[in-house]
Protein backbone atom coordinates (compact mmCIF):
# COMPACT_ATOMS: atom_id res chain seq x y z
CA THR A 1 24.58 -7.02 -25.44
CA ASN A 2 26.67 -7.56 -28.52
CA GLN A 3 23.87 -6.19 -30.72
CA PRO A 4 24.60 -2.73 -32.15
CA VAL A 5 20.89 -1.87 -32.41
CA ARG A 6 20.27 -2.77 -28.73
CA PRO A 7 23.53 -2.49 -26.78
CA GLU A 8 21.67 -2.36 -23.45
CA VAL A 9 18.49 -4.07 -22.31
CA PRO A 10 16.69 -2.38 -19.40
CA ILE A 11 15.31 -4.76 -16.78
CA ALA A 12 12.64 -3.54 -14.40
CA VAL A 13 12.87 -4.76 -10.81
CA ASN A 14 10.15 -4.46 -8.19
CA VAL A 15 11.26 -4.81 -4.59
CA PHE A 16 8.93 -5.01 -1.60
CA VAL A 17 10.64 -4.84 1.76
CA LYS A 18 8.56 -6.10 4.67
CA PRO A 19 8.80 -4.35 8.04
CA ASP A 20 11.04 -5.79 10.75
CA LEU A 21 8.02 -7.48 12.36
CA TYR A 22 5.31 -8.83 10.07
CA ALA A 23 2.55 -11.38 9.49
CA SER A 24 2.58 -13.72 6.50
CA PRO A 25 0.17 -14.05 4.83
CA GLU A 26 -1.01 -10.52 5.53
CA VAL A 27 -4.74 -11.39 5.28
CA VAL A 28 -6.78 -14.35 6.55
CA ASP A 29 -9.39 -15.26 3.92
CA PHE A 30 -11.87 -18.03 4.72
CA GLY A 31 -13.63 -17.62 1.38
CA GLU A 32 -17.20 -18.89 1.22
CA VAL A 33 -18.19 -21.26 4.04
CA ASN A 34 -21.41 -23.27 4.33
CA LEU A 35 -22.46 -22.95 7.99
CA GLU A 36 -24.65 -26.06 7.96
CA GLN A 37 -21.77 -28.20 6.65
CA LEU A 38 -19.41 -26.63 9.18
CA ARG A 39 -21.78 -27.69 11.97
CA GLN A 40 -22.41 -31.20 10.61
CA ILE A 41 -18.85 -32.17 9.60
CA PRO A 42 -16.37 -31.67 12.47
CA ALA A 43 -13.34 -32.36 10.22
CA LEU A 44 -14.33 -29.39 8.06
CA ARG A 45 -13.38 -27.05 10.91
CA ASP A 46 -9.77 -28.26 10.74
CA GLY A 47 -9.83 -28.22 6.95
CA LEU A 48 -10.80 -24.56 6.92
CA ALA A 49 -8.17 -23.59 9.50
CA GLN A 50 -5.84 -20.79 8.44
CA VAL A 51 -2.19 -20.48 9.48
CA VAL A 52 -0.29 -17.20 9.73
CA GLY A 53 3.39 -16.81 10.55
CA ILE A 54 4.47 -13.86 12.70
CA ARG A 55 8.13 -13.07 12.18
CA ARG A 56 10.75 -10.66 13.42
CA ARG A 57 13.88 -10.15 11.34
CA GLN A 58 16.24 -10.13 14.30
CA GLY A 59 15.91 -11.07 17.93
CA ALA A 60 13.23 -12.71 19.98
CA PHE A 61 10.00 -11.01 21.02
CA THR A 62 6.83 -12.02 22.85
CA ILE A 63 3.18 -12.05 21.82
CA THR A 64 1.57 -10.39 24.83
CA SER A 65 -2.09 -10.48 23.82
CA VAL A 66 -4.43 -11.88 21.16
CA GLY A 67 -7.86 -10.50 20.36
CA SER A 68 -10.37 -10.08 17.58
CA ASN A 69 -13.49 -8.08 16.82
CA ILE A 70 -15.00 -11.09 15.02
CA PRO A 71 -17.17 -13.46 17.07
CA GLY A 72 -16.65 -17.14 16.43
CA LEU A 73 -12.89 -17.20 15.83
CA ASP A 74 -10.63 -19.61 17.70
CA VAL A 75 -7.16 -18.04 17.59
CA SER A 76 -4.14 -19.75 19.11
CA VAL A 77 -0.51 -18.63 18.99
CA SER A 78 2.56 -20.75 19.64
CA PRO A 79 5.10 -20.92 21.14
CA SER A 80 4.22 -19.21 24.42
CA ARG A 81 7.83 -18.27 25.10
CA PRO A 82 9.89 -15.49 23.42
CA ALA A 83 10.87 -16.36 19.83
CA GLU A 84 11.70 -14.84 16.44
CA THR A 85 8.84 -16.73 14.74
CA PHE A 86 5.33 -17.58 15.91
CA ARG A 87 2.53 -19.64 14.40
CA MET A 88 -1.03 -18.38 14.63
CA ASP A 89 -3.81 -20.91 13.93
CA ILE A 90 -7.27 -19.50 13.18
CA LYS A 91 -10.40 -21.68 13.12
CA LEU A 92 -14.12 -20.97 12.92
CA ILE A 93 -16.26 -22.01 15.90
CA PRO A 94 -19.47 -23.41 14.31
CA ASP A 95 -21.78 -22.54 17.21
CA GLN A 96 -20.57 -18.93 17.42
CA VAL A 97 -20.19 -17.74 13.80
CA LYS A 98 -23.16 -16.08 12.17
CA GLN A 99 -24.26 -16.04 8.56
CA GLY A 100 -23.12 -13.06 6.51
CA MET A 101 -19.90 -11.35 5.59
CA VAL A 102 -16.89 -11.83 7.83
CA SER A 103 -14.88 -8.63 8.05
CA GLY A 104 -12.63 -7.59 10.90
CA VAL A 105 -9.16 -8.00 12.36
CA ILE A 106 -7.06 -10.07 14.71
CA ARG A 107 -4.95 -7.87 16.99
CA LEU A 108 -1.68 -9.15 18.39
CA GLY A 109 0.03 -7.22 21.18
CA THR A 110 3.81 -7.61 21.13
CA SER A 111 6.77 -6.77 23.33
CA ASP A 112 8.48 -5.00 20.41
CA PRO A 113 8.60 -1.23 21.13
CA MET A 114 8.60 -0.37 17.40
CA PHE A 115 5.63 -2.66 16.66
CA PRO A 116 3.53 -2.89 19.85
CA GLU A 117 0.54 -4.17 17.86
CA ILE A 118 0.09 -6.12 14.65
CA THR A 119 -3.31 -6.30 12.98
CA VAL A 120 -4.22 -9.06 10.56
CA PRO A 121 -7.37 -8.47 8.48
CA VAL A 122 -9.88 -11.37 8.32
CA ARG A 123 -12.51 -11.83 5.64
CA GLY A 124 -14.90 -14.40 4.26
CA GLU A 125 -18.58 -15.20 3.89
CA ILE A 126 -20.67 -17.55 6.01
CA ARG A 127 -23.69 -18.86 4.07
């Protein structure tokens, strides 16, 4: 600066570099869900749907498998062909979810040798 008392001003910078293959957002959070309303109002299922992007910095890859240790999740990934970016849609299946805390992961198998599996944590509460 042109101030003799403070000729330099330090500026802190925080940088977070994501891996070459990553999910965004990194966590699926359904929050608090009323199971009775979820069963009675079909449109609520779509309203509670979560979307996660799966991206690779360079070059196409394939999602080879999709699985979860949480019963009652409907997980779909598109496109089905190799790509640099995928969309994962996650919905709750009213007849299969149970009341209580939701805590687990979605596992995505990939064709990337450096990242053969991506895990996305899932949380929420079904009341």
